[in-house]
Amino acid sequence: MNLLIREHISLVIALFTILFTLQVFFIIERTIEIYEITLKNNYSIIAVSNGQINGDLMKDSIGAIDKMEIIDPQKVIDRLRNELNKDDLGTLKDSLPSFYRIFLKTYPAPEELLSIRDRLLEIENVIRVETYSKAHDQTFKLLVLFKDISNVLLIAIFIVSALLVIKEMRIWQFEHTERMNIMALFGAPLWMRSAVLFKVAIADALLSSVFVVITFIILDVNGWLHELFSMITIEVDIFEFFEDTTKLFSIAIVISLVLATITIIKNRSSK
């Protein structure tokens, strides 16, 4: 029993560490993606025009535009109803320009936003464009920071994973080479010696994947992480069962099979 545990525990712990950190990375990437979509949906440009604007023509000339809505001027007039008399209200209504709210397909970089603004001002009858650039630029820098942190985390995961794989390679070389040599002395063919190693690799990949899946299902059901995300008014799936399980198991299988293959190759070359 102790021998069986020793045979599996090292690789299972290494794979669990790699898969756990990768799943954290998946959650961060998912969060950034949802945050960017939320920013895009909540952001709009205000265009002021002396006449009607053809929405389809505007979308054709500026590909970044997703849709355009006209802002009802009646809301402005209603706010001033108690301050102005009827004649002044009528004059104001006739003299008010048209206001349009423009939504974009993506959350733009400051340079893209400036280009969109300039192109909108080139459209006939458009007299002013408000992009709220100061607030937009601060939010965009924050988004870029999140993406940079995510990329740094990915690099760190890659380095840690590489170190763990190298360590496991040495452990497997020590633990399984002796077994394979003994099997060779008893006349076992290479495929039989290799099959034992691949079985161990697949079993460890399955075990580590199951442990990670159970861990994140518990975190998802617990609701603690959901409460944290609700503080920034976004809803993120902590664990998407089919997609994440498939990814984690596939990664674990690849790492385990690579380890087994390298061990077999080194065993053959050492003879």
C-alpha atoms as a PDB file:
ATOM      1  CA  MET A   1       0.000   0.000   0.000  1.00  0.00           C
ATOM      2  CA  ASN A   2       2.792   2.429   0.958  1.00  0.00           C
ATOM      3  CA  LEU A   3       4.664   1.501  -2.219  1.00  0.00           C
ATOM      4  CA  LEU A   4       1.528   2.187  -4.287  1.00  0.00           C
ATOM      5  CA  ILE A   5       1.047   5.596  -2.653  1.00  0.00           C
ATOM      6  CA  ARG A   6       4.721   6.483  -3.123  1.00  0.00           C
ATOM      7  CA  GLU A   7       4.490   5.469  -6.762  1.00  0.00           C
ATOM      8  CA  HIS A   8       1.666   7.910  -7.472  1.00  0.00           C
ATOM      9  CA  ILE A   9       1.878  10.728  -4.922  1.00  0.00           C
ATOM     10  CA  SER A  10       4.808  12.643  -6.437  1.00  0.00           C
ATOM     11  CA  LEU A  11       3.352  13.056  -9.927  1.00  0.00           C
ATOM     12  CA  VAL A  12      -0.202  13.589  -8.610  1.00  0.00           C
ATOM     13  CA  ILE A  13       0.964  16.484  -6.398  1.00  0.00           C
ATOM     14  CA  ALA A  14       2.987  18.024  -9.253  1.00  0.00           C
ATOM     15  CA  LEU A  15       0.100  17.728 -11.710  1.00  0.00           C
ATOM     16  CA  PHE A  16      -2.380  19.051  -9.131  1.00  0.00           C
ATOM     17  CA  THR A  17      -0.195  22.144  -8.616  1.00  0.00           C
ATOM     18  CA  ILE A  18       0.089  22.768 -12.353  1.00  0.00           C
ATOM     19  CA  LEU A  19      -3.622  22.204 -13.041  1.00  0.00           C
ATOM     20  CA  PHE A  20      -4.741  24.287 -10.049  1.00  0.00           C
ATOM     21  CA  THR A  21      -2.682  27.301 -11.144  1.00  0.00           C
ATOM     22  CA  LEU A  22      -3.865  26.872 -14.734  1.00  0.00           C
ATOM     23  CA  GLN A  23      -7.499  26.877 -13.607  1.00  0.00           C
ATOM     24  CA  VAL A  24      -6.856  30.081 -11.644  1.00  0.00           C
ATOM     25  CA  PHE A  25      -5.442  31.535 -14.864  1.00  0.00           C
ATOM     26  CA  PHE A  26      -8.574  30.425 -16.779  1.00  0.00           C
ATOM     27  CA  ILE A  27     -10.753  32.211 -14.202  1.00  0.00           C
ATOM     28  CA  ILE A  28      -8.684  35.407 -14.463  1.00  0.00           C
ATOM     29  CA  GLU A  29      -8.866  35.314 -18.281  1.00  0.00           C
ATOM     30  CA  ARG A  30     -12.634  34.752 -18.101  1.00  0.00           C
ATOM     31  CA  THR A  31     -12.976  37.657 -15.656  1.00  0.00           C
ATOM     32  CA  ILE A  32     -10.993  40.028 -17.884  1.00  0.00           C
ATOM     33  CA  GLU A  33     -13.056  38.991 -20.917  1.00  0.00           C
ATOM     34  CA  ILE A  34     -16.363  39.600 -19.112  1.00  0.00           C
ATOM     35  CA  TYR A  35     -15.054  42.880 -17.665  1.00  0.00           C
ATOM     36  CA  GLU A  36     -14.072  44.063 -21.165  1.00  0.00           C
ATOM     37  CA  ILE A  37     -17.506  43.116 -22.548  1.00  0.00           C
ATOM     38  CA  THR A  38     -19.168  44.987 -19.659  1.00  0.00           C
ATOM     39  CA  LEU A  39     -17.056  48.072 -20.363  1.00  0.00           C
ATOM     40  CA  LYS A  40     -17.960  47.886 -24.048  1.00  0.00           C
ATOM     41  CA  ASN A  41     -21.683  47.548 -23.346  1.00  0.00           C
ATOM     42  CA  ASN A  42     -21.691  50.426 -20.854  1.00  0.00           C
ATOM     43  CA  TYR A  43     -19.616  52.811 -22.933  1.00  0.00           C
ATOM     44  CA  SER A  44     -21.067  55.107 -25.576  1.00  0.00           C
ATOM     45  CA  ILE A  45     -20.155  58.227 -27.518  1.00  0.00           C
ATOM     46  CA  ILE A  46     -22.498  61.200 -27.730  1.00  0.00           C
ATOM     47  CA  ALA A  47     -22.753  62.948 -31.111  1.00  0.00           C
ATOM     48  CA  VAL A  48     -24.577  66.263 -31.564  1.00  0.00           C
ATOM     49  CA  SER A  49     -25.992  67.071 -34.981  1.00  0.00           C
ATOM     50  CA  ASN A  50     -27.890  69.906 -36.637  1.00  0.00           C
ATOM     51  CA  GLY A  51     -29.883  67.412 -38.691  1.00  0.00           C
ATOM     52  CA  GLN A  52     -30.731  63.776 -39.074  1.00  0.00           C
ATOM     53  CA  ILE A  53     -27.876  61.263 -39.358  1.00  0.00           C
ATOM     54  CA  ASN A  54     -28.149  58.130 -41.455  1.00  0.00           C
ATOM     55  CA  GLY A  55     -27.197  55.340 -39.038  1.00  0.00           C
ATOM     56  CA  ASP A  56     -26.477  52.741 -41.742  1.00  0.00           C
ATOM     57  CA  LEU A  57     -24.261  55.181 -43.627  1.00  0.00           C
ATOM     58  CA  MET A  58     -22.367  55.985 -40.435  1.00  0.00           C
ATOM     59  CA  LYS A  59     -21.810  52.292 -39.652  1.00  0.00           C
ATOM     60  CA  ASP A  60     -20.575  51.671 -43.194  1.00  0.00           C
ATOM     61  CA  SER A  61     -18.078  54.539 -43.044  1.00  0.00           C
ATOM     62  CA  ILE A  62     -16.840  53.761 -39.498  1.00  0.00           C
ATOM     63  CA  GLY A  63     -16.519  50.008 -39.022  1.00  0.00           C
ATOM     64  CA  ALA A  64     -15.993  50.274 -35.239  1.00  0.00           C
ATOM     65  CA  ILE A  65     -19.610  51.419 -34.694  1.00  0.00           C
ATOM     66  CA  ASP A  66     -21.993  48.707 -33.526  1.00  0.00           C
ATOM     67  CA  LYS A  67     -25.265  50.637 -33.261  1.00  0.00           C
ATOM     68  CA  MET A  68     -26.661  54.133 -32.855  1.00  0.00           C
ATOM     69  CA  GLU A  69     -29.636  55.411 -30.861  1.00  0.00           C
ATOM     70  CA  ILE A  70     -31.253  58.833 -30.981  1.00  0.00           C
ATOM     71  CA  ILE A  71     -31.655  60.505 -27.580  1.00  0.00           C
ATOM     72  CA  ASP A  72     -35.143  61.807 -26.952  1.00  0.00           C
ATOM     73  CA  PRO A  73     -34.881  65.611 -26.374  1.00  0.00           C
ATOM     74  CA  GLN A  74     -38.181  65.521 -24.493  1.00  0.00           C
ATOM     75  CA  LYS A  75     -36.287  64.434 -21.364  1.00  0.00           C
ATOM     76  CA  VAL A  76     -34.291  67.679 -21.419  1.00  0.00           C
ATOM     77  CA  ILE A  77     -37.424  69.725 -22.019  1.00  0.00           C
ATOM     78  CA  ASP A  78     -39.269  68.012 -19.157  1.00  0.00           C
ATOM     79  CA  ARG A  79     -36.496  68.951 -16.750  1.00  0.00           C
ATOM     80  CA  LEU A  80     -36.861  72.629 -17.678  1.00  0.00           C
ATOM     81  CA  ARG A  81     -40.653  72.662 -17.803  1.00  0.00           C
ATOM     82  CA  ASN A  82     -40.994  74.319 -14.387  1.00  0.00           C
ATOM     83  CA  GLU A  83     -38.315  76.930 -15.130  1.00  0.00           C
ATOM     84  CA  LEU A  84     -39.470  78.170 -18.560  1.00  0.00           C
ATOM     85  CA  ASN A  85     -42.804  79.365 -19.886  1.00  0.00           C
ATOM     86  CA  LYS A  86     -44.671  77.627 -22.669  1.00  0.00           C
ATOM     87  CA  ASP A  87     -43.392  79.905 -25.452  1.00  0.00           C
ATOM     88  CA  ASP A  88     -39.758  79.513 -24.329  1.00  0.00           C
ATOM     89  CA  LEU A  89     -40.189  75.755 -24.139  1.00  0.00           C
ATOM     90  CA  GLY A  90     -41.520  75.733 -27.696  1.00  0.00           C
ATOM     91  CA  THR A  91     -38.591  77.839 -28.917  1.00  0.00           C
ATOM     92  CA  LEU A  92     -36.140  75.577 -27.075  1.00  0.00           C
ATOM     93  CA  LYS A  93     -37.681  72.458 -28.603  1.00  0.00           C
ATOM     94  CA  ASP A  94     -37.387  73.888 -32.119  1.00  0.00           C
ATOM     95  CA  SER A  95     -33.783  75.021 -31.618  1.00  0.00           C
ATOM     96  CA  LEU A  96     -32.446  71.906 -29.895  1.00  0.00           C
ATOM     97  CA  PRO A  97     -30.001  69.896 -32.015  1.00  0.00           C
ATOM     98  CA  SER A  98     -30.269  66.115 -32.371  1.00  0.00           C
ATOM     99  CA  PHE A  99     -28.373  63.944 -29.899  1.00  0.00           C
ATOM    100  CA  TYR A 100     -27.186  60.429 -30.729  1.00  0.00           C
ATOM    101  CA  ARG A 101     -25.740  57.729 -28.501  1.00  0.00           C
ATOM    102  CA  ILE A 102     -23.210  55.619 -30.403  1.00  0.00           C
ATOM    103  CA  PHE A 103     -22.130  52.153 -29.202  1.00  0.00           C
ATOM    104  CA  LEU A 104     -18.931  50.489 -30.403  1.00  0.00           C
ATOM    105  CA  LYS A 105     -18.153  46.860 -31.262  1.00  0.00           C
ATOM    106  CA  THR A 106     -15.176  46.758 -28.885  1.00  0.00           C
ATOM    107  CA  TYR A 107     -13.812  48.837 -26.042  1.00  0.00           C
ATOM    108  CA  PRO A 108     -11.349  51.034 -27.960  1.00  0.00           C
ATOM    109  CA  ALA A 109      -7.810  52.095 -27.170  1.00  0.00           C
ATOM    110  CA  PRO A 110      -7.311  55.875 -26.713  1.00  0.00           C
ATOM    111  CA  GLU A 111      -5.765  56.142 -30.194  1.00  0.00           C
ATOM    112  CA  GLU A 112      -8.733  54.334 -31.754  1.00  0.00           C
ATOM    113  CA  LEU A 113     -11.169  56.537 -29.853  1.00  0.00           C
ATOM    114  CA  LEU A 114      -9.453  59.682 -31.104  1.00  0.00           C
ATOM    115  CA  SER A 115      -9.629  58.379 -34.685  1.00  0.00           C
ATOM    116  CA  ILE A 116     -13.344  57.569 -34.313  1.00  0.00           C
ATOM    117  CA  ARG A 117     -14.001  61.036 -32.905  1.00  0.00           C
ATOM    118  CA  ASP A 118     -12.227  62.732 -35.829  1.00  0.00           C
ATOM    119  CA  ARG A 119     -14.111  60.648 -38.388  1.00  0.00           C
ATOM    120  CA  LEU A 120     -17.450  61.396 -36.715  1.00  0.00           C
ATOM    121  CA  LEU A 121     -16.735  65.125 -36.900  1.00  0.00           C
ATOM    122  CA  GLU A 122     -16.169  64.753 -40.654  1.00  0.00           C
ATOM    123  CA  ILE A 123     -19.757  63.547 -41.111  1.00  0.00           C
ATOM    124  CA  GLU A 124     -22.151  66.167 -42.448  1.00  0.00           C
ATOM    125  CA  ASN A 125     -24.259  67.991 -39.809  1.00  0.00           C
ATOM    126  CA  VAL A 126     -22.223  66.618 -36.856  1.00  0.00           C
ATOM    127  CA  ILE A 127     -21.134  69.625 -34.804  1.00  0.00           C
ATOM    128  CA  ARG A 128     -19.806  68.025 -31.622  1.00  0.00           C
ATOM    129  CA  VAL A 129     -18.660  64.641 -30.339  1.00  0.00           C
ATOM    130  CA  GLU A 130     -18.260  63.797 -26.658  1.00  0.00           C
ATOM    131  CA  THR A 131     -16.111  60.709 -25.932  1.00  0.00           C
ATOM    132  CA  TYR A 132     -15.545  61.224 -22.171  1.00  0.00           C
ATOM    133  CA  SER A 133     -11.898  60.543 -23.000  1.00  0.00           C
ATOM    134  CA  LYS A 134     -10.449  61.221 -19.535  1.00  0.00           C
ATOM    135  CA  ALA A 135     -12.594  58.589 -17.784  1.00  0.00           C
ATOM    136  CA  HIS A 136     -12.233  56.230 -20.757  1.00  0.00           C
ATOM    137  CA  ASP A 137      -8.408  56.456 -20.792  1.00  0.00           C
ATOM    138  CA  GLN A 138      -8.164  55.696 -17.062  1.00  0.00           C
ATOM    139  CA  THR A 139     -10.429  52.669 -17.415  1.00  0.00           C
ATOM    140  CA  PHE A 140      -8.540  51.443 -20.479  1.00  0.00           C
ATOM    141  CA  LYS A 141      -5.196  51.673 -18.623  1.00  0.00           C
ATOM    142  CA  LEU A 142      -6.715  49.586 -15.822  1.00  0.00           C
ATOM    143  CA  LEU A 143      -7.862  46.992 -18.371  1.00  0.00           C
ATOM    144  CA  VAL A 144      -4.375  46.874 -19.924  1.00  0.00           C
ATOM    145  CA  LEU A 145      -2.890  46.422 -16.437  1.00  0.00           C
ATOM    146  CA  PHE A 146      -5.185  43.437 -15.795  1.00  0.00           C
ATOM    147  CA  LYS A 147      -4.131  41.879 -19.108  1.00  0.00           C
ATOM    148  CA  ASP A 148      -0.437  42.431 -18.340  1.00  0.00           C
ATOM    149  CA  ILE A 149      -0.848  40.783 -14.929  1.00  0.00           C
ATOM    150  CA  SER A 150      -2.576  37.864 -16.639  1.00  0.00           C
ATOM    151  CA  ASN A 151       0.319  37.494 -19.093  1.00  0.00           C
ATOM    152  CA  VAL A 152       2.883  37.607 -16.269  1.00  0.00           C
ATOM    153  CA  LEU A 153       0.897  34.923 -14.438  1.00  0.00           C
ATOM    154  CA  LEU A 154       0.906  32.755 -17.566  1.00  0.00           C
ATOM    155  CA  ILE A 155       4.703  33.077 -17.844  1.00  0.00           C
ATOM    156  CA  ALA A 156       5.079  32.221 -14.140  1.00  0.00           C
ATOM    157  CA  ILE A 157       2.838  29.165 -14.574  1.00  0.00           C
ATOM    158  CA  PHE A 158       4.917  28.047 -17.548  1.00  0.00           C
ATOM    159  CA  ILE A 159       8.184  28.384 -15.577  1.00  0.00           C
ATOM    160  CA  VAL A 160       6.818  26.583 -12.495  1.00  0.00           C
ATOM    161  CA  SER A 161       5.336  23.841 -14.669  1.00  0.00           C
ATOM    162  CA  ALA A 162       8.641  23.375 -16.496  1.00  0.00           C
ATOM    163  CA  LEU A 163      10.540  23.089 -13.200  1.00  0.00           C
ATOM    164  CA  LEU A 164       8.029  20.585 -11.812  1.00  0.00           C
ATOM    165  CA  VAL A 165       8.171  18.507 -15.000  1.00  0.00           C
ATOM    166  CA  ILE A 166      11.991  18.466 -14.912  1.00  0.00           C
ATOM    167  CA  LYS A 167      11.892  17.392 -11.260  1.00  0.00           C
ATOM    168  CA  GLU A 168       9.386  14.646 -12.007  1.00  0.00           C
ATOM    169  CA  MET A 169      11.503  13.521 -14.938  1.00  0.00           C
ATOM    170  CA  ARG A 170      14.415  12.875 -12.571  1.00  0.00           C
ATOM    171  CA  ILE A 171      12.180  11.113 -10.040  1.00  0.00           C
ATOM    172  CA  TRP A 172      10.657   8.883 -12.709  1.00  0.00           C
ATOM    173  CA  GLN A 173      14.093   8.144 -14.132  1.00  0.00           C
ATOM    174  CA  PHE A 174      15.156   6.916 -10.700  1.00  0.00           C
ATOM    175  CA  GLU A 175      11.942   5.069  -9.737  1.00  0.00           C
ATOM    176  CA  HIS A 176      10.940   3.394 -12.983  1.00  0.00           C
ATOM    177  CA  THR A 177      14.260   2.638 -14.676  1.00  0.00           C
ATOM    178  CA  GLU A 178      15.032  -0.070 -12.115  1.00  0.00           C
ATOM    179  CA  ARG A 179      11.613  -1.651 -12.627  1.00  0.00           C
ATOM    180  CA  MET A 180      11.977  -1.615 -16.408  1.00  0.00           C
ATOM    181  CA  ASN A 181      15.460  -3.162 -16.159  1.00  0.00           C
ATOM    182  CA  ILE A 182      14.139  -5.964 -13.936  1.00  0.00           C
ATOM    183  CA  MET A 183      11.293  -6.635 -16.390  1.00  0.00           C
ATOM    184  CA  ALA A 184      13.857  -6.714 -19.224  1.00  0.00           C
ATOM    185  CA  LEU A 185      15.912  -9.322 -17.341  1.00  0.00           C
ATOM    186  CA  PHE A 186      12.844 -11.551 -17.177  1.00  0.00           C
ATOM    187  CA  GLY A 187      12.395 -11.192 -20.923  1.00  0.00           C
ATOM    188  CA  ALA A 188       9.491  -8.712 -20.970  1.00  0.00           C
ATOM    189  CA  PRO A 189       9.258  -6.992 -24.368  1.00  0.00           C
ATOM    190  CA  LEU A 190       9.586  -3.204 -24.638  1.00  0.00           C
ATOM    191  CA  TRP A 191       5.866  -2.662 -25.249  1.00  0.00           C
ATOM    192  CA  MET A 192       5.013  -4.467 -21.983  1.00  0.00           C
ATOM    193  CA  ARG A 193       7.571  -2.454 -19.990  1.00  0.00           C
ATOM    194  CA  SER A 194       6.305   0.750 -21.562  1.00  0.00           C
ATOM    195  CA  ALA A 195       2.642  -0.157 -21.015  1.00  0.00           C
ATOM    196  CA  VAL A 196       3.124  -0.293 -17.236  1.00  0.00           C
ATOM    197  CA  LEU A 197       4.624   3.198 -17.275  1.00  0.00           C
ATOM    198  CA  PHE A 198       1.874   4.618 -19.493  1.00  0.00           C
ATOM    199  CA  LYS A 199      -0.798   3.100 -17.224  1.00  0.00           C
ATOM    200  CA  VAL A 200       0.753   4.847 -14.225  1.00  0.00           C
ATOM    201  CA  ALA A 201       0.937   8.108 -16.189  1.00  0.00           C
ATOM    202  CA  ILE A 202      -2.720   7.969 -17.260  1.00  0.00           C
ATOM    203  CA  ALA A 203      -3.882   6.972 -13.758  1.00  0.00           C
ATOM    204  CA  ASP A 204      -1.979   9.904 -12.186  1.00  0.00           C
ATOM    205  CA  ALA A 205      -3.352  12.309 -14.783  1.00  0.00           C
ATOM    206  CA  LEU A 206      -6.892  11.142 -14.024  1.00  0.00           C
ATOM    207  CA  LEU A 207      -6.415  11.356 -10.249  1.00  0.00           C
ATOM    208  CA  SER A 208      -4.918  14.863 -10.315  1.00  0.00           C
ATOM    209  CA  SER A 209      -7.648  16.091 -12.691  1.00  0.00           C
ATOM    210  CA  VAL A 210     -10.388  14.699 -10.444  1.00  0.00           C
ATOM    211  CA  PHE A 211      -8.865  16.366  -7.362  1.00  0.00           C
ATOM    212  CA  VAL A 212      -8.692  19.766  -9.117  1.00  0.00           C
ATOM    213  CA  VAL A 213     -12.234  19.438 -10.483  1.00  0.00           C
ATOM    214  CA  ILE A 214     -13.585  18.580  -7.010  1.00  0.00           C
ATOM    215  CA  THR A 215     -11.663  21.525  -5.475  1.00  0.00           C
ATOM    216  CA  PHE A 216     -13.127  24.073  -7.884  1.00  0.00           C
ATOM    217  CA  ILE A 217     -16.636  22.603  -7.748  1.00  0.00           C
ATOM    218  CA  ILE A 218     -16.493  23.089  -3.965  1.00  0.00           C
ATOM    219  CA  LEU A 219     -15.280  26.683  -4.431  1.00  0.00           C
ATOM    220  CA  ASP A 220     -18.045  27.299  -6.986  1.00  0.00           C
ATOM    221  CA  VAL A 221     -20.794  25.852  -4.794  1.00  0.00           C
ATOM    222  CA  ASN A 222     -19.469  27.621  -1.690  1.00  0.00           C
ATOM    223  CA  GLY A 223     -20.186  31.005  -3.283  1.00  0.00           C
ATOM    224  CA  TRP A 224     -17.288  32.837  -1.632  1.00  0.00           C
ATOM    225  CA  LEU A 225     -15.639  33.741  -4.946  1.00  0.00           C
ATOM    226  CA  HIS A 226     -18.997  34.778  -6.422  1.00  0.00           C
ATOM    227  CA  GLU A 227     -19.389  37.270  -3.584  1.00  0.00           C
ATOM    228  CA  LEU A 228     -15.994  38.764  -4.424  1.00  0.00           C
ATOM    229  CA  PHE A 229     -16.934  39.149  -8.093  1.00  0.00           C
ATOM    230  CA  SER A 230     -20.309  40.662  -7.188  1.00  0.00           C
ATOM    231  CA  MET A 231     -18.397  43.515  -5.523  1.00  0.00           C
ATOM    232  CA  ILE A 232     -17.216  44.606  -8.990  1.00  0.00           C
ATOM    233  CA  THR A 233     -20.699  43.927 -10.449  1.00  0.00           C
ATOM    234  CA  ILE A 234     -19.719  41.094 -12.780  1.00  0.00           C
ATOM    235  CA  GLU A 235     -20.750  37.456 -12.804  1.00  0.00           C
ATOM    236  CA  VAL A 236     -18.034  34.921 -13.623  1.00  0.00           C
ATOM    237  CA  ASP A 237     -18.337  31.155 -13.963  1.00  0.00           C
ATOM    238  CA  ILE A 238     -15.745  29.807 -11.539  1.00  0.00           C
ATOM    239  CA  PHE A 239     -15.862  26.372 -13.112  1.00  0.00           C
ATOM    240  CA  GLU A 240     -17.461  25.437 -16.428  1.00  0.00           C
ATOM    241  CA  PHE A 241     -17.686  21.695 -15.900  1.00  0.00           C
ATOM    242  CA  PHE A 242     -17.401  20.245 -19.407  1.00  0.00           C
ATOM    243  CA  GLU A 243     -15.016  22.823 -20.888  1.00  0.00           C
ATOM    244  CA  ASP A 244     -12.664  23.118 -17.900  1.00  0.00           C
ATOM    245  CA  THR A 245     -12.640  19.392 -17.115  1.00  0.00           C
ATOM    246  CA  THR A 246     -11.731  18.611 -20.728  1.00  0.00           C
ATOM    247  CA  LYS A 247      -8.914  21.189 -20.713  1.00  0.00           C
ATOM    248  CA  LEU A 248      -7.467  20.056 -17.387  1.00  0.00           C
ATOM    249  CA  PHE A 249      -7.575  16.344 -18.197  1.00  0.00           C
ATOM    250  CA  SER A 250      -6.060  16.911 -21.651  1.00  0.00           C
ATOM    251  CA  ILE A 251      -3.175  18.952 -20.188  1.00  0.00           C
ATOM    252  CA  ALA A 252      -2.572  16.360 -17.454  1.00  0.00           C
ATOM    253  CA  ILE A 253      -2.557  13.517 -20.001  1.00  0.00           C
ATOM    254  CA  VAL A 254      -0.097  15.336 -22.285  1.00  0.00           C
ATOM    255  CA  ILE A 255       2.330  16.099 -19.426  1.00  0.00           C
ATOM    256  CA  SER A 256       2.132  12.546 -18.057  1.00  0.00           C
ATOM    257  CA  LEU A 257       2.615  10.888 -21.444  1.00  0.00           C
ATOM    258  CA  VAL A 258       5.560  13.163 -22.245  1.00  0.00           C
ATOM    259  CA  LEU A 259       7.168  12.188 -18.924  1.00  0.00           C
ATOM    260  CA  ALA A 260       6.584   8.497 -19.594  1.00  0.00           C
ATOM    261  CA  THR A 261       7.947   8.751 -23.145  1.00  0.00           C
ATOM    262  CA  ILE A 262      11.111  10.602 -22.042  1.00  0.00           C
ATOM    263  CA  THR A 263      11.706   8.027 -19.277  1.00  0.00           C
ATOM    264  CA  ILE A 264      11.419   5.170 -21.783  1.00  0.00           C
ATOM    265  CA  ILE A 265      13.745   6.877 -24.274  1.00  0.00           C
ATOM    266  CA  LYS A 266      16.345   7.568 -21.589  1.00  0.00           C
ATOM    267  CA  ASN A 267      16.102   3.974 -20.372  1.00  0.00           C
ATOM    268  CA  ARG A 268      16.804   2.671 -23.862  1.00  0.00           C
ATOM    269  CA  SER A 269      19.649   5.100 -24.508  1.00  0.00           C
ATOM    270  CA  SER A 270      21.343   4.238 -21.196  1.00  0.00           C
ATOM    271  CA  LYS A 271      21.825   0.639 -22.255  1.00  0.00           C
END
